[in-house]
PDB file of all heavy atoms in Angstrom:
ATOM      1  N   CYS A   1     -64.307 -23.686  17.609  1.00  0.00           N
ATOM      2  CA  CYS A   1     -64.176 -22.237  17.522  1.00  0.00           C
ATOM      3  C   CYS A   1     -63.237 -21.790  18.621  1.00  0.00           C
ATOM      4  O   CYS A   1     -63.585 -21.756  19.787  1.00  0.00           O
ATOM      5  CB  CYS A   1     -65.545 -21.558  17.630  1.00  0.00           C
ATOM      6  SG  CYS A   1     -65.472 -19.770  17.411  1.00  0.00           S
ATOM      7  N   LEU A   2     -62.040 -21.450  18.236  1.00  0.00           N
ATOM      8  CA  LEU A   2     -60.992 -21.091  19.174  1.00  0.00           C
ATOM      9  C   LEU A   2     -60.889 -19.584  19.306  1.00  0.00           C
ATOM     10  O   LEU A   2     -60.840 -18.880  18.336  1.00  0.00           O
ATOM     11  CB  LEU A   2     -59.637 -21.629  18.688  1.00  0.00           C
ATOM     12  CG  LEU A   2     -58.405 -21.232  19.485  1.00  0.00           C
ATOM     13  CD1 LEU A   2     -58.440 -21.868  20.823  1.00  0.00           C
ATOM     14  CD2 LEU A   2     -57.169 -21.601  18.708  1.00  0.00           C
ATOM     15  N   THR A   3     -60.859 -19.093  20.530  1.00  0.00           N
ATOM     16  CA  THR A   3     -60.635 -17.685  20.826  1.00  0.00           C
ATOM     17  C   THR A   3     -59.394 -17.503  21.648  1.00  0.00           C
ATOM     18  O   THR A   3     -59.349 -18.063  22.769  1.00  0.00           O
ATOM     19  CB  THR A   3     -61.850 -17.032  21.496  1.00  0.00           C
ATOM     20  OG1 THR A   3     -63.026 -17.239  20.731  1.00  0.00           O
ATOM     21  CG2 THR A   3     -61.628 -15.561  21.723  1.00  0.00           C
ATOM     22  N   CYS A   4     -58.415 -16.821  21.186  1.00  0.00           N
ATOM     23  CA  CYS A   4     -57.161 -16.642  21.901  1.00  0.00           C
ATOM     24  C   CYS A   4     -56.716 -15.178  21.963  1.00  0.00           C
ATOM     25  O   CYS A   4     -56.900 -14.420  21.005  1.00  0.00           O
ATOM     26  CB  CYS A   4     -56.019 -17.414  21.233  1.00  0.00           C
ATOM     27  SG  CYS A   4     -56.037 -19.192  21.522  1.00  0.00           S
ATOM     28  N   ASN A   5     -56.165 -14.804  23.116  1.00  0.00           N
ATOM     29  CA  ASN A   5     -55.457 -13.520  23.219  1.00  0.00           C
ATOM     30  C   ASN A   5     -54.026 -13.694  22.661  1.00  0.00           C
ATOM     31  O   ASN A   5     -53.367 -14.689  22.890  1.00  0.00           O
ATOM     32  CB  ASN A   5     -55.324 -13.121  24.685  1.00  0.00           C
ATOM     33  CG  ASN A   5     -56.650 -12.787  25.319  1.00  0.00           C
ATOM     34  OD1 ASN A   5     -57.544 -12.293  24.640  1.00  0.00           O
ATOM     35  ND2 ASN A   5     -56.735 -12.994  26.620  1.00  0.00           N
ATOM     36  N   LEU A   6     -53.580 -12.681  21.957  1.00  0.00           N
ATOM     37  CA  LEU A   6     -52.179 -12.592  21.514  1.00  0.00           C
ATOM     38  C   LEU A   6     -51.583 -11.368  22.201  1.00  0.00           C
ATOM     39  O   LEU A   6     -52.107 -10.286  22.094  1.00  0.00           O
ATOM     40  CB  LEU A   6     -52.083 -12.454  19.989  1.00  0.00           C
ATOM     41  CG  LEU A   6     -52.659 -13.588  19.160  1.00  0.00           C
ATOM     42  CD1 LEU A   6     -52.414 -13.304  17.660  1.00  0.00           C
ATOM     43  CD2 LEU A   6     -52.104 -14.947  19.505  1.00  0.00           C
ATOM     44  N   GLY A   7     -50.475 -11.594  22.846  1.00  0.00           N
ATOM     45  CA  GLY A   7     -49.833 -10.488  23.567  1.00  0.00           C
ATOM     46  C   GLY A   7     -48.547 -10.972  24.236  1.00  0.00           C
ATOM     47  O   GLY A   7     -48.181 -12.128  24.150  1.00  0.00           O
ATOM     48  N   THR A   8     -47.872 -10.042  24.880  1.00  0.00           N
ATOM     49  CA  THR A   8     -46.643 -10.333  25.563  1.00  0.00           C
ATOM     50  C   THR A   8     -46.866 -10.811  26.982  1.00  0.00           C
ATOM     51  O   THR A   8     -45.949 -11.349  27.623  1.00  0.00           O
ATOM     52  CB  THR A   8     -45.706  -9.124  25.581  1.00  0.00           C
ATOM     53  OG1 THR A   8     -46.354  -8.060  26.281  1.00  0.00           O
ATOM     54  CG2 THR A   8     -45.404  -8.661  24.154  1.00  0.00           C
ATOM     55  N   GLY A   9     -48.033 -10.597  27.518  1.00  0.00           N
ATOM     56  CA  GLY A   9     -48.324 -10.933  28.890  1.00  0.00           C
ATOM     57  C   GLY A   9     -47.893  -9.865  29.884  1.00  0.00           C
ATOM     58  O   GLY A   9     -47.947 -10.105  31.125  1.00  0.00           O
ATOM     59  N   ARG A  10     -47.494  -8.744  29.395  1.00  0.00           N
ATOM     60  CA  ARG A  10     -47.092  -7.647  30.271  1.00  0.00           C
ATOM     61  C   ARG A  10     -47.422  -6.337  29.546  1.00  0.00           C
ATOM     62  O   ARG A  10     -47.750  -6.284  28.368  1.00  0.00           O
ATOM     63  CB  ARG A  10     -45.599  -7.637  30.601  1.00  0.00           C
ATOM     64  CG  ARG A  10     -44.714  -7.592  29.373  1.00  0.00           C
ATOM     65  CD  ARG A  10     -43.301  -7.101  29.677  1.00  0.00           C
ATOM     66  NE  ARG A  10     -43.328  -5.740  30.178  1.00  0.00           N
ATOM     67  CZ  ARG A  10     -42.209  -5.116  30.596  1.00  0.00           C
ATOM     68  NH1 ARG A  10     -41.057  -5.706  30.610  1.00  0.00           N
ATOM     69  NH2 ARG A  10     -42.281  -3.867  31.028  1.00  0.00           N
ATOM     70  N   GLY A  11     -47.385  -5.235  30.298  1.00  0.00           N
ATOM     71  CA  GLY A  11     -47.679  -3.911  29.662  1.00  0.00           C
ATOM     72  C   GLY A  11     -46.447  -3.022  29.754  1.00  0.00           C
ATOM     73  O   GLY A  11     -45.534  -3.186  30.533  1.00  0.00           O
ATOM     74  N   TYR A  12     -46.438  -2.020  28.848  1.00  0.00           N
ATOM     75  CA  TYR A  12     -45.398  -0.974  28.857  1.00  0.00           C
ATOM     76  C   TYR A  12     -46.102   0.358  28.990  1.00  0.00           C
ATOM     77  O   TYR A  12     -47.166   0.614  28.371  1.00  0.00           O
ATOM     78  CB  TYR A  12     -44.633  -1.003  27.553  1.00  0.00           C
ATOM     79  CG  TYR A  12     -43.891  -2.288  27.260  1.00  0.00           C
ATOM     80  CD1 TYR A  12     -44.393  -3.227  26.376  1.00  0.00           C
ATOM     81  CD2 TYR A  12     -42.659  -2.549  27.864  1.00  0.00           C
ATOM     82  CE1 TYR A  12     -43.692  -4.391  26.120  1.00  0.00           C
ATOM     83  CE2 TYR A  12     -41.918  -3.713  27.584  1.00  0.00           C
ATOM     84  CZ  TYR A  12     -42.495  -4.620  26.698  1.00  0.00           C
ATOM     85  OH  TYR A  12     -41.788  -5.794  26.448  1.00  0.00           O
ATOM     86  N   SER A  13     -45.541   1.249  29.762  1.00  0.00           N
ATOM     87  CA  SER A  13     -46.103   2.570  29.917  1.00  0.00           C
ATOM     88  C   SER A  13     -45.758   3.457  28.698  1.00  0.00           C
ATOM     89  O   SER A  13     -44.854   3.151  27.912  1.00  0.00           O
ATOM     90  CB  SER A  13     -45.617   3.252  31.193  1.00  0.00           C
ATOM     91  OG  SER A  13     -44.275   3.698  31.033  1.00  0.00           O
ATOM     92  N   VAL A  14     -46.475   4.567  28.595  1.00  0.00           N
ATOM     93  CA  VAL A  14     -46.163   5.510  27.497  1.00  0.00           C
ATOM     94  C   VAL A  14     -44.725   5.990  27.587  1.00  0.00           C
ATOM     95  O   VAL A  14     -44.017   6.052  26.589  1.00  0.00           O
ATOM     96  CB  VAL A  14     -47.121   6.729  27.590  1.00  0.00           C
ATOM     97  CG1 VAL A  14     -46.744   7.768  26.494  1.00  0.00           C
ATOM     98  CG2 VAL A  14     -48.563   6.269  27.380  1.00  0.00           C
ATOM     99  N   LEU A  15     -44.261   6.263  28.807  1.00  0.00           N
ATOM    100  CA  LEU A  15     -42.863   6.731  28.936  1.00  0.00           C
ATOM    101  C   LEU A  15     -41.903   5.629  28.686  1.00  0.00           C
ATOM    102  O   LEU A  15     -40.775   5.895  28.203  1.00  0.00           O
ATOM    103  CB  LEU A  15     -42.669   7.323  30.354  1.00  0.00           C
ATOM    104  CG  LEU A  15     -43.322   8.687  30.591  1.00  0.00           C
ATOM    105  CD1 LEU A  15     -43.050   9.205  32.029  1.00  0.00           C
ATOM    106  CD2 LEU A  15     -42.851   9.735  29.584  1.00  0.00           C
ATOM    107  N   ASP A  16     -42.250   4.377  28.971  1.00  0.00           N
ATOM    108  CA  ASP A  16     -41.406   3.221  28.563  1.00  0.00           C
ATOM    109  C   ASP A  16     -41.167   3.274  27.040  1.00  0.00           C
ATOM    110  O   ASP A  16     -40.033   3.070  26.576  1.00  0.00           O
ATOM    111  CB  ASP A  16     -42.047   1.909  28.955  1.00  0.00           C
ATOM    112  CG  ASP A  16     -41.994   1.604  30.423  1.00  0.00           C
ATOM    113  OD1 ASP A  16     -41.092   2.165  31.086  1.00  0.00           O
ATOM    114  OD2 ASP A  16     -42.843   0.828  30.888  1.00  0.00           O
ATOM    115  N   VAL A  17     -42.253   3.483  26.301  1.00  0.00           N
ATOM    116  CA  VAL A  17     -42.161   3.479  24.853  1.00  0.00           C
ATOM    117  C   VAL A  17     -41.330   4.665  24.380  1.00  0.00           C
ATOM    118  O   VAL A  17     -40.487   4.570  23.462  1.00  0.00           O
ATOM    119  CB  VAL A  17     -43.568   3.522  24.219  1.00  0.00           C
ATOM    120  CG1 VAL A  17     -43.454   3.545  22.688  1.00  0.00           C
ATOM    121  CG2 VAL A  17     -44.399   2.289  24.647  1.00  0.00           C
ATOM    122  N   VAL A  18     -41.540   5.825  24.963  1.00  0.00           N
ATOM    123  CA  VAL A  18     -40.786   7.035  24.589  1.00  0.00           C
ATOM    124  C   VAL A  18     -39.264   6.780  24.791  1.00  0.00           C
ATOM    125  O   VAL A  18     -38.463   7.051  23.922  1.00  0.00           O
ATOM    126  CB  VAL A  18     -41.253   8.249  25.405  1.00  0.00           C
ATOM    127  CG1 VAL A  18     -40.274   9.413  25.215  1.00  0.00           C
ATOM    128  CG2 VAL A  18     -42.634   8.654  25.005  1.00  0.00           C
ATOM    129  N   LYS A  19     -38.921   6.254  25.981  1.00  0.00           N
ATOM    130  CA  LYS A  19     -37.497   6.026  26.250  1.00  0.00           C
ATOM    131  C   LYS A  19     -36.901   4.996  25.350  1.00  0.00           C
ATOM    132  O   LYS A  19     -35.771   5.153  24.856  1.00  0.00           O
ATOM    133  CB  LYS A  19     -37.349   5.604  27.720  1.00  0.00           C
ATOM    134  CG  LYS A  19     -37.678   6.693  28.727  1.00  0.00           C
ATOM    135  CD  LYS A  19     -37.660   6.164  30.154  1.00  0.00           C
ATOM    136  CE  LYS A  19     -38.077   7.255  31.142  1.00  0.00           C
ATOM    137  NZ  LYS A  19     -38.138   6.714  32.538  1.00  0.00           N
ATOM    138  N   ALA A  20     -37.600   3.935  25.061  1.00  0.00           N
ATOM    139  CA  ALA A  20     -37.123   2.898  24.175  1.00  0.00           C
ATOM    140  C   ALA A  20     -36.982   3.445  22.726  1.00  0.00           C
ATOM    141  O   ALA A  20     -35.990   3.071  22.042  1.00  0.00           O
ATOM    142  CB  ALA A  20     -38.062   1.678  24.193  1.00  0.00           C
ATOM    143  N   PHE A  21     -37.893   4.310  22.325  1.00  0.00           N
ATOM    144  CA  PHE A  21     -37.764   4.878  20.962  1.00  0.00           C
ATOM    145  C   PHE A  21     -36.596   5.847  20.899  1.00  0.00           C
ATOM    146  O   PHE A  21     -35.927   5.898  19.837  1.00  0.00           O
ATOM    147  CB  PHE A  21     -39.041   5.535  20.523  1.00  0.00           C
ATOM    148  CG  PHE A  21     -39.261   5.478  19.054  1.00  0.00           C
ATOM    149  CD1 PHE A  21     -40.017   4.550  18.491  1.00  0.00           C
ATOM    150  CD2 PHE A  21     -38.669   6.469  18.231  1.00  0.00           C
ATOM    151  CE1 PHE A  21     -40.197   4.459  17.102  1.00  0.00           C
ATOM    152  CE2 PHE A  21     -38.837   6.440  16.868  1.00  0.00           C
ATOM    153  CZ  PHE A  21     -39.611   5.433  16.281  1.00  0.00           C
ATOM    154  N   GLU A  22     -36.341   6.611  21.941  1.00  0.00           N
ATOM    155  CA  GLU A  22     -35.201   7.521  21.949  1.00  0.00           C
ATOM    156  C   GLU A  22     -33.917   6.716  21.817  1.00  0.00           C
ATOM    157  O   GLU A  22     -32.970   7.126  21.099  1.00  0.00           O
ATOM    158  CB  GLU A  22     -35.208   8.367  23.226  1.00  0.00           C
ATOM    159  CG  GLU A  22     -36.291   9.438  23.233  1.00  0.00           C
ATOM    160  CD  GLU A  22     -36.255  10.274  24.500  1.00  0.00           C
ATOM    161  OE1 GLU A  22     -35.800   9.749  25.570  1.00  0.00           O
ATOM    162  OE2 GLU A  22     -36.665  11.443  24.464  1.00  0.00           O
ATOM    163  N   LYS A  23     -33.876   5.597  22.516  1.00  0.00           N
ATOM    164  CA  LYS A  23     -32.704   4.708  22.431  1.00  0.00           C
ATOM    165  C   LYS A  23     -32.536   4.184  21.026  1.00  0.00           C
ATOM    166  O   LYS A  23     -31.403   4.121  20.467  1.00  0.00           O
ATOM    167  CB  LYS A  23     -32.833   3.575  23.466  1.00  0.00           C
ATOM    168  CG  LYS A  23     -31.718   2.514  23.388  1.00  0.00           C
ATOM    169  CD  LYS A  23     -32.041   1.383  24.349  1.00  0.00           C
ATOM    170  CE  LYS A  23     -30.967   0.284  24.253  1.00  0.00           C
ATOM    171  NZ  LYS A  23     -31.299  -0.856  25.182  1.00  0.00           N
ATOM    172  N   ALA A  24     -33.613   3.728  20.386  1.00  0.00           N
ATOM    173  CA  ALA A  24     -33.546   3.131  19.057  1.00  0.00           C
ATOM    174  C   ALA A  24     -33.183   4.171  17.993  1.00  0.00           C
ATOM    175  O   ALA A  24     -32.447   3.874  17.072  1.00  0.00           O
ATOM    176  CB  ALA A  24     -34.850   2.477  18.718  1.00  0.00           C
TER     177      ALA A  24
END
């Protein structure tokens, strides 16, 4: 029975996401 986390290993702030979406 394997239990694993899936993720990037880092976090992004709300404003990080806002700025990246404005760029996209």
